[in-house]
Amino acid sequence: MGRKGQVSLEFLFVFAIMVLLLAYSINNVTFKEGSTSVENLRIQVALEEKSLANAISNTINQVYAQGPGAKATGYVRVNYLRDPQMLEKATGVKSPKVFITYENGPLITITGTGSTVVLAGPDKNAFWSESMYKKILSSSSSIWSPKGSVKVDSKTAYGLEINPSDLPPTLRIVVEWNPDAPEGWKFNSTTEEIRINIKPGG
């Protein structure tokens, strides 16, 4: 009887230690200060940036493939990109903004106080999606509204600079190829859309 009691007590002791270790490891890996850990948050932000780049690229590809007069609409859900506090925590950038430019495809990054654009390596924070529409629009300052700029490889790149809190949960991307209109990219928080006119050869 004494031996069984000792085994039960040892089992309970080992079980209690295992539960404590499990709780501690879950707390360290998944949570920090009551919310998602910085590393997990960084991954989620990066996934949304890439998803946004792909959605823009895919919609532009549809229009480009159809030719002049074509129009297409795409949609992308954003959660982390529309939360300034999450972006600040994930990137360490103060007053973060979502920055979108175009260099043979959309390039998305987070700009703000203390931000630098890293295109490759473990600290990569800019996400690009290749498009069939081959054009460098980052050097043009007049086509973006609201316009922003950032240094990319020591060059100034112009693009859309959007306040995260202005982004809707589902962002609409409207692309058209109107040969009579100039190249243009405009974000409108009221209509919850990015409206793009492409102009190949123009």
C-alpha atoms as a PDB file:
ATOM      1  CA  MET A   1       0.000   0.000   0.000  1.00  0.00           C
ATOM      2  CA  GLY A   2       2.859   2.378   0.901  1.00  0.00           C
ATOM      3  CA  ARG A   3       4.650   1.576  -2.365  1.00  0.00           C
ATOM      4  CA  LYS A   4       1.534   2.371  -4.472  1.00  0.00           C
ATOM      5  CA  GLY A   5       1.062   5.648  -2.615  1.00  0.00           C
ATOM      6  CA  GLN A   6       4.700   6.608  -3.272  1.00  0.00           C
ATOM      7  CA  VAL A   7       4.370   5.816  -7.003  1.00  0.00           C
ATOM      8  CA  SER A   8       1.159   7.873  -7.208  1.00  0.00           C
ATOM      9  CA  LEU A   9       2.812  10.784  -5.413  1.00  0.00           C
ATOM     10  CA  GLU A  10       5.865  10.617  -7.724  1.00  0.00           C
ATOM     11  CA  PHE A  11       3.590  10.454 -10.766  1.00  0.00           C
ATOM     12  CA  LEU A  12       1.618  13.502  -9.601  1.00  0.00           C
ATOM     13  CA  PHE A  13       4.876  15.384  -8.958  1.00  0.00           C
ATOM     14  CA  VAL A  14       6.275  14.571 -12.439  1.00  0.00           C
ATOM     15  CA  PHE A  15       2.902  15.363 -14.045  1.00  0.00           C
ATOM     16  CA  ALA A  16       2.757  18.744 -12.292  1.00  0.00           C
ATOM     17  CA  ILE A  17       6.283  19.607 -13.507  1.00  0.00           C
ATOM     18  CA  MET A  18       5.350  18.605 -17.074  1.00  0.00           C
ATOM     19  CA  VAL A  19       2.226  20.787 -16.998  1.00  0.00           C
ATOM     20  CA  LEU A  20       4.262  23.748 -15.722  1.00  0.00           C
ATOM     21  CA  LEU A  21       6.907  23.271 -18.439  1.00  0.00           C
ATOM     22  CA  LEU A  22       4.228  22.986 -21.118  1.00  0.00           C
ATOM     23  CA  ALA A  23       2.447  26.123 -19.908  1.00  0.00           C
ATOM     24  CA  TYR A  24       5.769  28.010 -19.803  1.00  0.00           C
ATOM     25  CA  SER A  25       6.771  26.931 -23.326  1.00  0.00           C
ATOM     26  CA  ILE A  26       3.345  27.801 -24.787  1.00  0.00           C
ATOM     27  CA  ASN A  27       3.550  31.197 -23.101  1.00  0.00           C
ATOM     28  CA  ASN A  28       7.008  31.870 -24.539  1.00  0.00           C
ATOM     29  CA  VAL A  29       6.338  30.639 -28.075  1.00  0.00           C
ATOM     30  CA  THR A  30       2.823  31.920 -28.667  1.00  0.00           C
ATOM     31  CA  PHE A  31       2.233  34.822 -26.327  1.00  0.00           C
ATOM     32  CA  LYS A  32       4.077  37.886 -25.182  1.00  0.00           C
ATOM     33  CA  GLU A  33       2.535  40.595 -23.047  1.00  0.00           C
ATOM     34  CA  GLY A  34      -0.893  39.064 -23.569  1.00  0.00           C
ATOM     35  CA  SER A  35      -0.816  39.013 -27.388  1.00  0.00           C
ATOM     36  CA  THR A  36       0.841  37.306 -30.340  1.00  0.00           C
ATOM     37  CA  SER A  37       4.640  37.097 -30.116  1.00  0.00           C
ATOM     38  CA  VAL A  38       6.668  39.562 -32.172  1.00  0.00           C
ATOM     39  CA  GLU A  39       8.091  36.841 -34.425  1.00  0.00           C
ATOM     40  CA  ASN A  40       4.665  35.341 -35.179  1.00  0.00           C
ATOM     41  CA  LEU A  41       3.293  38.830 -35.749  1.00  0.00           C
ATOM     42  CA  ARG A  42       6.119  39.625 -38.178  1.00  0.00           C
ATOM     43  CA  ILE A  43       5.282  36.471 -40.150  1.00  0.00           C
ATOM     44  CA  GLN A  44       1.574  37.359 -40.298  1.00  0.00           C
ATOM     45  CA  VAL A  45       2.338  40.897 -41.522  1.00  0.00           C
ATOM     46  CA  ALA A  46       4.719  39.505 -44.167  1.00  0.00           C
ATOM     47  CA  LEU A  47       2.060  37.032 -45.363  1.00  0.00           C
ATOM     48  CA  GLU A  48      -0.482  39.837 -45.738  1.00  0.00           C
ATOM     49  CA  GLU A  49       2.017  42.027 -47.612  1.00  0.00           C
ATOM     50  CA  LYS A  50       2.727  39.156 -50.015  1.00  0.00           C
ATOM     51  CA  SER A  51      -0.998  38.436 -50.380  1.00  0.00           C
ATOM     52  CA  LEU A  52      -1.679  42.087 -51.231  1.00  0.00           C
ATOM     53  CA  ALA A  53       1.164  42.132 -53.784  1.00  0.00           C
ATOM     54  CA  ASN A  54      -0.185  38.942 -55.414  1.00  0.00           C
ATOM     55  CA  ALA A  55      -3.767  40.276 -55.516  1.00  0.00           C
ATOM     56  CA  ILE A  56      -2.661  43.483 -57.267  1.00  0.00           C
ATOM     57  CA  SER A  57      -0.418  41.571 -59.679  1.00  0.00           C
ATOM     58  CA  ASN A  58      -3.130  39.025 -60.561  1.00  0.00           C
ATOM     59  CA  THR A  59      -5.713  41.742 -61.250  1.00  0.00           C
ATOM     60  CA  ILE A  60      -3.267  43.706 -63.426  1.00  0.00           C
ATOM     61  CA  ASN A  61      -2.392  40.492 -65.308  1.00  0.00           C
ATOM     62  CA  GLN A  62      -6.078  39.896 -66.116  1.00  0.00           C
ATOM     63  CA  VAL A  63      -6.451  43.359 -67.620  1.00  0.00           C
ATOM     64  CA  TYR A  64      -3.119  43.279 -69.457  1.00  0.00           C
ATOM     65  CA  ALA A  65      -3.970  39.916 -71.028  1.00  0.00           C
ATOM     66  CA  GLN A  66      -7.358  41.184 -72.266  1.00  0.00           C
ATOM     67  CA  GLY A  67      -6.021  44.355 -73.895  1.00  0.00           C
ATOM     68  CA  PRO A  68      -7.185  47.987 -74.204  1.00  0.00           C
ATOM     69  CA  GLY A  69     -10.607  48.700 -72.732  1.00  0.00           C
ATOM     70  CA  ALA A  70     -10.388  45.806 -70.274  1.00  0.00           C
ATOM     71  CA  LYS A  71     -11.306  46.140 -66.606  1.00  0.00           C
ATOM     72  CA  ALA A  72     -11.065  43.713 -63.675  1.00  0.00           C
ATOM     73  CA  THR A  73     -11.691  43.734 -59.945  1.00  0.00           C
ATOM     74  CA  GLY A  74      -9.852  41.775 -57.270  1.00  0.00           C
ATOM     75  CA  TYR A  75     -10.284  41.542 -53.521  1.00  0.00           C
ATOM     76  CA  VAL A  76      -7.908  40.913 -50.634  1.00  0.00           C
ATOM     77  CA  ARG A  77      -8.610  40.640 -46.909  1.00  0.00           C
ATOM     78  CA  VAL A  78      -6.352  42.571 -44.556  1.00  0.00           C
ATOM     79  CA  ASN A  79      -6.230  42.263 -40.808  1.00  0.00           C
ATOM     80  CA  TYR A  80      -2.730  43.035 -39.520  1.00  0.00           C
ATOM     81  CA  LEU A  81      -1.954  45.658 -42.190  1.00  0.00           C
ATOM     82  CA  ARG A  82      -4.865  47.791 -40.979  1.00  0.00           C
ATOM     83  CA  ASP A  83      -3.744  47.830 -37.339  1.00  0.00           C
ATOM     84  CA  PRO A  84      -1.070  50.496 -36.614  1.00  0.00           C
ATOM     85  CA  GLN A  85      -0.226  48.999 -33.197  1.00  0.00           C
ATOM     86  CA  MET A  86       0.311  45.527 -34.655  1.00  0.00           C
ATOM     87  CA  LEU A  87       2.496  46.960 -37.442  1.00  0.00           C
ATOM     88  CA  GLU A  88       4.542  48.983 -34.965  1.00  0.00           C
ATOM     89  CA  LYS A  89       5.048  45.940 -32.765  1.00  0.00           C
ATOM     90  CA  ALA A  90       5.947  43.685 -35.716  1.00  0.00           C
ATOM     91  CA  THR A  91       8.330  46.079 -37.472  1.00  0.00           C
ATOM     92  CA  GLY A  92       9.589  48.452 -34.788  1.00  0.00           C
ATOM     93  CA  VAL A  93       8.599  51.347 -37.083  1.00  0.00           C
ATOM     94  CA  LYS A  94       6.924  54.365 -35.504  1.00  0.00           C
ATOM     95  CA  SER A  95       3.878  55.873 -37.264  1.00  0.00           C
ATOM     96  CA  PRO A  96       3.753  52.980 -39.764  1.00  0.00           C
ATOM     97  CA  LYS A  97       2.230  53.327 -43.231  1.00  0.00           C
ATOM     98  CA  VAL A  98       1.546  50.691 -45.881  1.00  0.00           C
ATOM     99  CA  PHE A  99       3.657  51.565 -48.934  1.00  0.00           C
ATOM    100  CA  ILE A 100       2.887  50.204 -52.423  1.00  0.00           C
ATOM    101  CA  THR A 101       5.014  50.860 -55.490  1.00  0.00           C
ATOM    102  CA  TYR A 102       5.496  49.133 -58.836  1.00  0.00           C
ATOM    103  CA  GLU A 103       8.673  47.788 -60.451  1.00  0.00           C
ATOM    104  CA  ASN A 104       7.650  45.174 -63.043  1.00  0.00           C
ATOM    105  CA  GLY A 105       5.207  44.101 -60.354  1.00  0.00           C
ATOM    106  CA  PRO A 106       3.847  45.485 -57.088  1.00  0.00           C
ATOM    107  CA  LEU A 107       6.276  45.917 -54.181  1.00  0.00           C
ATOM    108  CA  ILE A 108       4.812  46.274 -50.679  1.00  0.00           C
ATOM    109  CA  THR A 109       6.591  47.379 -47.505  1.00  0.00           C
ATOM    110  CA  ILE A 110       5.944  49.246 -44.251  1.00  0.00           C
ATOM    111  CA  THR A 111       7.333  52.775 -43.991  1.00  0.00           C
ATOM    112  CA  GLY A 112       7.509  55.236 -41.131  1.00  0.00           C
ATOM    113  CA  THR A 113       9.923  56.715 -38.632  1.00  0.00           C
ATOM    114  CA  GLY A 114      13.071  54.607 -38.518  1.00  0.00           C
ATOM    115  CA  SER A 115      12.127  52.354 -41.439  1.00  0.00           C
ATOM    116  CA  THR A 116      14.585  50.950 -43.957  1.00  0.00           C
ATOM    117  CA  VAL A 117      13.660  48.768 -46.930  1.00  0.00           C
ATOM    118  CA  VAL A 118      15.373  45.367 -46.950  1.00  0.00           C
ATOM    119  CA  LEU A 119      14.812  43.430 -50.176  1.00  0.00           C
ATOM    120  CA  ALA A 120      16.523  40.130 -49.277  1.00  0.00           C
ATOM    121  CA  GLY A 121      17.942  38.075 -46.417  1.00  0.00           C
ATOM    122  CA  PRO A 122      16.608  37.223 -42.958  1.00  0.00           C
ATOM    123  CA  ASP A 123      15.525  40.840 -42.287  1.00  0.00           C
ATOM    124  CA  LYS A 124      13.595  41.143 -45.568  1.00  0.00           C
ATOM    125  CA  ASN A 125      10.638  43.499 -45.142  1.00  0.00           C
ATOM    126  CA  ALA A 126       9.584  44.255 -48.731  1.00  0.00           C
ATOM    127  CA  PHE A 127       7.486  41.824 -50.749  1.00  0.00           C
ATOM    128  CA  TRP A 128       7.266  41.763 -54.544  1.00  0.00           C
ATOM    129  CA  SER A 129       5.074  39.905 -57.009  1.00  0.00           C
ATOM    130  CA  GLU A 130       6.082  39.677 -60.663  1.00  0.00           C
ATOM    131  CA  SER A 131       3.581  40.896 -63.235  1.00  0.00           C
ATOM    132  CA  MET A 132       3.178  40.515 -66.998  1.00  0.00           C
ATOM    133  CA  TYR A 133       2.913  44.310 -67.161  1.00  0.00           C
ATOM    134  CA  LYS A 134       6.593  45.273 -67.341  1.00  0.00           C
ATOM    135  CA  LYS A 135       7.040  48.862 -66.266  1.00  0.00           C
ATOM    136  CA  ILE A 136       9.003  50.800 -63.630  1.00  0.00           C
ATOM    137  CA  LEU A 137       6.579  53.231 -62.005  1.00  0.00           C
ATOM    138  CA  SER A 138       8.512  53.879 -58.795  1.00  0.00           C
ATOM    139  CA  SER A 139      10.466  56.727 -60.416  1.00  0.00           C
ATOM    140  CA  SER A 140       7.299  58.657 -61.318  1.00  0.00           C
ATOM    141  CA  SER A 141       6.051  60.959 -58.562  1.00  0.00           C
ATOM    142  CA  SER A 142       2.862  62.189 -60.268  1.00  0.00           C
ATOM    143  CA  ILE A 143       0.793  59.001 -60.640  1.00  0.00           C
ATOM    144  CA  TRP A 144       0.334  58.130 -56.945  1.00  0.00           C
ATOM    145  CA  SER A 145      -2.402  59.384 -54.596  1.00  0.00           C
ATOM    146  CA  PRO A 146      -1.839  59.597 -51.672  1.00  0.00           C
ATOM    147  CA  LYS A 147       1.827  59.830 -52.627  1.00  0.00           C
ATOM    148  CA  GLY A 148       4.737  58.729 -50.474  1.00  0.00           C
ATOM    149  CA  SER A 149       8.379  57.944 -51.006  1.00  0.00           C
ATOM    150  CA  VAL A 150      11.021  55.669 -49.561  1.00  0.00           C
ATOM    151  CA  LYS A 151      14.682  54.893 -50.213  1.00  0.00           C
ATOM    152  CA  VAL A 152      15.214  51.572 -52.001  1.00  0.00           C
ATOM    153  CA  ASP A 153      18.856  50.723 -52.680  1.00  0.00           C
ATOM    154  CA  SER A 154      19.792  54.425 -52.237  1.00  0.00           C
ATOM    155  CA  LYS A 155      17.200  55.477 -54.873  1.00  0.00           C
ATOM    156  CA  THR A 156      13.971  57.300 -54.086  1.00  0.00           C
ATOM    157  CA  ALA A 157      10.935  55.191 -54.901  1.00  0.00           C
ATOM    158  CA  TYR A 158       7.501  56.816 -55.114  1.00  0.00           C
ATOM    159  CA  GLY A 159       4.272  54.985 -54.445  1.00  0.00           C
ATOM    160  CA  LEU A 160       0.995  54.871 -52.547  1.00  0.00           C
ATOM    161  CA  GLU A 161       1.411  55.572 -48.837  1.00  0.00           C
ATOM    162  CA  ILE A 162      -1.677  54.493 -46.907  1.00  0.00           C
ATOM    163  CA  ASN A 163      -2.544  54.974 -43.243  1.00  0.00           C
ATOM    164  CA  PRO A 164      -3.255  51.485 -41.860  1.00  0.00           C
ATOM    165  CA  SER A 165      -6.417  52.640 -40.093  1.00  0.00           C
ATOM    166  CA  ASP A 166      -7.823  53.793 -43.475  1.00  0.00           C
ATOM    167  CA  LEU A 167      -7.673  50.254 -44.902  1.00  0.00           C
ATOM    168  CA  PRO A 168     -10.954  48.303 -44.908  1.00  0.00           C
ATOM    169  CA  PRO A 169     -11.173  44.645 -43.826  1.00  0.00           C
ATOM    170  CA  THR A 170     -11.645  43.714 -47.494  1.00  0.00           C
ATOM    171  CA  LEU A 171      -9.760  45.904 -49.947  1.00  0.00           C
ATOM    172  CA  ARG A 172     -11.064  46.135 -53.502  1.00  0.00           C
ATOM    173  CA  ILE A 173      -8.514  46.426 -56.342  1.00  0.00           C
ATOM    174  CA  VAL A 174      -9.948  47.902 -59.540  1.00  0.00           C
ATOM    175  CA  VAL A 175      -7.674  47.819 -62.588  1.00  0.00           C
ATOM    176  CA  GLU A 176      -8.471  49.085 -66.059  1.00  0.00           C
ATOM    177  CA  TRP A 177      -6.667  49.748 -69.296  1.00  0.00           C
ATOM    178  CA  ASN A 178      -8.087  53.023 -70.546  1.00  0.00           C
ATOM    179  CA  PRO A 179      -5.820  54.273 -73.357  1.00  0.00           C
ATOM    180  CA  ASP A 180      -7.351  57.773 -73.099  1.00  0.00           C
ATOM    181  CA  ALA A 181      -6.490  58.181 -69.404  1.00  0.00           C
ATOM    182  CA  PRO A 182      -3.041  58.637 -67.865  1.00  0.00           C
ATOM    183  CA  GLU A 183      -1.263  55.997 -65.793  1.00  0.00           C
ATOM    184  CA  GLY A 184      -2.606  56.315 -62.263  1.00  0.00           C
ATOM    185  CA  TRP A 185      -2.827  54.653 -58.857  1.00  0.00           C
ATOM    186  CA  LYS A 186      -5.271  56.015 -56.294  1.00  0.00           C
ATOM    187  CA  PHE A 187      -6.402  54.743 -52.900  1.00  0.00           C
ATOM    188  CA  ASN A 188      -9.846  55.878 -51.763  1.00  0.00           C
ATOM    189  CA  SER A 189     -10.802  55.067 -48.164  1.00  0.00           C
ATOM    190  CA  THR A 190     -14.469  55.977 -48.783  1.00  0.00           C
ATOM    191  CA  THR A 191     -14.943  53.502 -51.634  1.00  0.00           C
ATOM    192  CA  GLU A 192     -12.478  51.108 -49.927  1.00  0.00           C
ATOM    193  CA  GLU A 193     -10.506  50.537 -53.093  1.00  0.00           C
ATOM    194  CA  ILE A 194      -7.254  50.986 -54.934  1.00  0.00           C
ATOM    195  CA  ARG A 195      -8.023  52.143 -58.477  1.00  0.00           C
ATOM    196  CA  ILE A 196      -5.315  51.576 -61.084  1.00  0.00           C
ATOM    197  CA  ASN A 197      -5.120  52.571 -64.728  1.00  0.00           C
ATOM    198  CA  ILE A 198      -2.351  50.882 -66.709  1.00  0.00           C
ATOM    199  CA  LYS A 199      -0.936  52.358 -69.901  1.00  0.00           C
ATOM    200  CA  PRO A 200       1.412  49.993 -71.701  1.00  0.00           C
ATOM    201  CA  GLY A 201       3.732  51.818 -74.073  1.00  0.00           C
ATOM    202  CA  GLY A 202       2.633  55.211 -72.754  1.00  0.00           C
END
